[in-house]
Amino acid sequence: MRLAFTPEAAGHADVCDAWWRDHRDARDLFARELADAKELIRKSPLVGTMYTVLDGLPVRRVLLPKTRTHLYYSIDADKGIVMVLAVWGAPKGRGPFLRRSSSGGER
């Protein structure tokens, strides 16, 4: 399956990556975990835990364990795409505002 990020999710990922690079010794940890998670959900999109339903499509999430960040995504099998909707820190104690975007870019 093809993998794409909504503009909001891409922004979330950029902010998380910048924060890790500025504040942690393991500067590339977020980028490495994100790359691993992207490959995982591209190959096995049903691996994530069911989170909610949005616009008739299930939203799943996977945890990046060391950075404690979730990737929230939906699968559109008809279009052959996994769309990442949000990249959100688990310690925030609440989930992100989710919305689908018709224009997502590959990352």
C-alpha atoms as a PDB file:
ATOM      1  CA  MET A   1       0.000   0.000   0.000  1.00  0.00           C
ATOM      2  CA  ARG A   2       0.988   3.570  -0.545  1.00  0.00           C
ATOM      3  CA  LEU A   3       1.482   5.714   2.572  1.00  0.00           C
ATOM      4  CA  ALA A   4       0.717   9.430   2.786  1.00  0.00           C
ATOM      5  CA  PHE A   5       0.408  12.074   5.497  1.00  0.00           C
ATOM      6  CA  THR A   6      -2.260  14.744   5.788  1.00  0.00           C
ATOM      7  CA  PRO A   7      -0.735  18.222   5.948  1.00  0.00           C
ATOM      8  CA  GLU A   8      -1.605  18.307   9.662  1.00  0.00           C
ATOM      9  CA  ALA A   9       0.142  14.990  10.341  1.00  0.00           C
ATOM     10  CA  ALA A  10       3.200  16.092   8.367  1.00  0.00           C
ATOM     11  CA  GLY A  11       3.338  19.227  10.516  1.00  0.00           C
ATOM     12  CA  HIS A  12       3.016  17.161  13.698  1.00  0.00           C
ATOM     13  CA  ALA A  13       5.888  14.920  12.563  1.00  0.00           C
ATOM     14  CA  ASP A  14       8.090  17.912  11.748  1.00  0.00           C
ATOM     15  CA  VAL A  15       7.455  19.463  15.188  1.00  0.00           C
ATOM     16  CA  CYS A  16       8.179  16.165  16.982  1.00  0.00           C
ATOM     17  CA  ASP A  17      11.363  15.615  14.997  1.00  0.00           C
ATOM     18  CA  ALA A  18      12.609  19.149  15.670  1.00  0.00           C
ATOM     19  CA  TRP A  19      11.867  18.808  19.393  1.00  0.00           C
ATOM     20  CA  TRP A  20      13.788  15.525  19.654  1.00  0.00           C
ATOM     21  CA  ARG A  21      16.734  16.967  17.735  1.00  0.00           C
ATOM     22  CA  ASP A  22      16.838  20.065  19.976  1.00  0.00           C
ATOM     23  CA  HIS A  23      16.186  18.458  23.386  1.00  0.00           C
ATOM     24  CA  ARG A  24      17.525  14.906  23.448  1.00  0.00           C
ATOM     25  CA  ASP A  25      20.902  13.214  23.113  1.00  0.00           C
ATOM     26  CA  ALA A  26      19.333  10.620  20.797  1.00  0.00           C
ATOM     27  CA  ARG A  27      18.579  13.315  18.239  1.00  0.00           C
ATOM     28  CA  ASP A  28      17.438  10.989  15.479  1.00  0.00           C
ATOM     29  CA  LEU A  29      15.397   8.613  17.665  1.00  0.00           C
ATOM     30  CA  PHE A  30      12.035  10.019  16.574  1.00  0.00           C
ATOM     31  CA  ALA A  31      13.024   9.914  12.891  1.00  0.00           C
ATOM     32  CA  ARG A  32      14.172   6.291  13.215  1.00  0.00           C
ATOM     33  CA  GLU A  33      11.034   5.205  15.044  1.00  0.00           C
ATOM     34  CA  LEU A  34       8.843   7.041  12.553  1.00  0.00           C
ATOM     35  CA  ALA A  35      10.593   5.354   9.628  1.00  0.00           C
ATOM     36  CA  ASP A  36      10.115   1.939  11.248  1.00  0.00           C
ATOM     37  CA  ALA A  37       6.430   2.605  11.959  1.00  0.00           C
ATOM     38  CA  LYS A  38       5.819   3.828   8.405  1.00  0.00           C
ATOM     39  CA  GLU A  39       7.326   0.652   6.988  1.00  0.00           C
ATOM     40  CA  LEU A  40       5.306  -1.482   9.411  1.00  0.00           C
ATOM     41  CA  ILE A  41       1.931   0.057   8.568  1.00  0.00           C
ATOM     42  CA  ARG A  42       2.726   0.131   4.854  1.00  0.00           C
ATOM     43  CA  LYS A  43       3.375  -3.630   4.903  1.00  0.00           C
ATOM     44  CA  SER A  44       0.790  -4.623   7.551  1.00  0.00           C
ATOM     45  CA  PRO A  45      -1.807  -1.849   7.822  1.00  0.00           C
ATOM     46  CA  LEU A  46      -4.083  -3.799  10.183  1.00  0.00           C
ATOM     47  CA  VAL A  47      -1.338  -3.998  12.822  1.00  0.00           C
ATOM     48  CA  GLY A  48      -2.527  -0.882  14.653  1.00  0.00           C
ATOM     49  CA  THR A  49      -5.015  -0.835  17.480  1.00  0.00           C
ATOM     50  CA  MET A  50      -8.521   0.292  16.550  1.00  0.00           C
ATOM     51  CA  TYR A  51      -9.042   3.846  17.866  1.00  0.00           C
ATOM     52  CA  THR A  52     -12.241   5.299  16.345  1.00  0.00           C
ATOM     53  CA  VAL A  53     -14.217   5.610  13.109  1.00  0.00           C
ATOM     54  CA  LEU A  54     -13.916   8.771  11.013  1.00  0.00           C
ATOM     55  CA  ASP A  55     -15.979   9.389   7.874  1.00  0.00           C
ATOM     56  CA  GLY A  56     -16.897   5.709   7.806  1.00  0.00           C
ATOM     57  CA  LEU A  57     -13.297   4.473   7.927  1.00  0.00           C
ATOM     58  CA  PRO A  58     -11.676   2.889  10.975  1.00  0.00           C
ATOM     59  CA  VAL A  59      -8.816   4.877  12.476  1.00  0.00           C
ATOM     60  CA  ARG A  60      -5.999   2.835  13.952  1.00  0.00           C
ATOM     61  CA  ARG A  61      -2.938   3.824  15.911  1.00  0.00           C
ATOM     62  CA  VAL A  62       0.526   2.428  16.508  1.00  0.00           C
ATOM     63  CA  LEU A  63       2.882   3.455  19.271  1.00  0.00           C
ATOM     64  CA  LEU A  64       6.460   4.527  18.714  1.00  0.00           C
ATOM     65  CA  PRO A  65       7.566   3.049  22.034  1.00  0.00           C
ATOM     66  CA  LYS A  66      10.750   4.926  22.889  1.00  0.00           C
ATOM     67  CA  THR A  67       9.429   8.371  21.971  1.00  0.00           C
ATOM     68  CA  ARG A  68       5.952   7.539  23.290  1.00  0.00           C
ATOM     69  CA  THR A  69       4.301   8.940  20.181  1.00  0.00           C
ATOM     70  CA  HIS A  70       1.279   7.519  18.360  1.00  0.00           C
ATOM     71  CA  LEU A  71       0.662   7.475  14.618  1.00  0.00           C
ATOM     72  CA  TYR A  72      -3.070   7.670  13.889  1.00  0.00           C
ATOM     73  CA  TYR A  73      -4.020   6.427  10.439  1.00  0.00           C
ATOM     74  CA  SER A  74      -6.836   5.131   8.271  1.00  0.00           C
ATOM     75  CA  ILE A  75      -6.790   2.629   5.453  1.00  0.00           C
ATOM     76  CA  ASP A  76      -8.604   3.195   2.192  1.00  0.00           C
ATOM     77  CA  ALA A  77      -8.312  -0.224   0.563  1.00  0.00           C
ATOM     78  CA  ASP A  78     -10.220   0.901  -2.549  1.00  0.00           C
ATOM     79  CA  LYS A  79      -7.561   3.541  -3.231  1.00  0.00           C
ATOM     80  CA  GLY A  80      -4.689   1.426  -1.909  1.00  0.00           C
ATOM     81  CA  ILE A  81      -3.562   4.075   0.551  1.00  0.00           C
ATOM     82  CA  VAL A  82      -2.750   4.308   4.231  1.00  0.00           C
ATOM     83  CA  MET A  83      -3.306   7.914   5.319  1.00  0.00           C
ATOM     84  CA  VAL A  84      -1.548   9.137   8.463  1.00  0.00           C
ATOM     85  CA  LEU A  85      -3.932  11.580  10.121  1.00  0.00           C
ATOM     86  CA  ALA A  86      -1.920  12.609  13.184  1.00  0.00           C
ATOM     87  CA  VAL A  87       1.380  12.127  14.964  1.00  0.00           C
ATOM     88  CA  TRP A  88       0.622  12.674  18.629  1.00  0.00           C
ATOM     89  CA  GLY A  89       2.487  12.304  21.906  1.00  0.00           C
ATOM     90  CA  ALA A  90       0.930   9.675  24.170  1.00  0.00           C
ATOM     91  CA  PRO A  91       1.877  11.633  27.344  1.00  0.00           C
ATOM     92  CA  LYS A  92      -0.524  14.431  26.355  1.00  0.00           C
ATOM     93  CA  GLY A  93      -3.289  12.410  28.010  1.00  0.00           C
ATOM     94  CA  ARG A  94      -5.787  13.051  25.219  1.00  0.00           C
ATOM     95  CA  GLY A  95      -6.052  12.163  21.595  1.00  0.00           C
ATOM     96  CA  PRO A  96      -5.628  14.550  18.678  1.00  0.00           C
ATOM     97  CA  PHE A  97      -8.366  16.265  16.693  1.00  0.00           C
ATOM     98  CA  LEU A  98      -8.709  14.021  13.650  1.00  0.00           C
ATOM     99  CA  ARG A  99      -9.920  14.848  10.180  1.00  0.00           C
ATOM    100  CA  ARG A 100      -9.328  13.349   6.805  1.00  0.00           C
ATOM    101  CA  SER A 101      -7.772  15.435   4.111  1.00  0.00           C
ATOM    102  CA  SER A 102      -8.287  14.820   0.432  1.00  0.00           C
ATOM    103  CA  SER A 103      -4.774  16.019  -0.310  1.00  0.00           C
ATOM    104  CA  GLY A 104      -2.069  14.093   1.444  1.00  0.00           C
ATOM    105  CA  GLY A 105       1.546  13.900   0.548  1.00  0.00           C
ATOM    106  CA  GLU A 106       3.902  10.994   0.692  1.00  0.00           C
ATOM    107  CA  ARG A 107       6.661  11.186   3.276  1.00  0.00           C
END
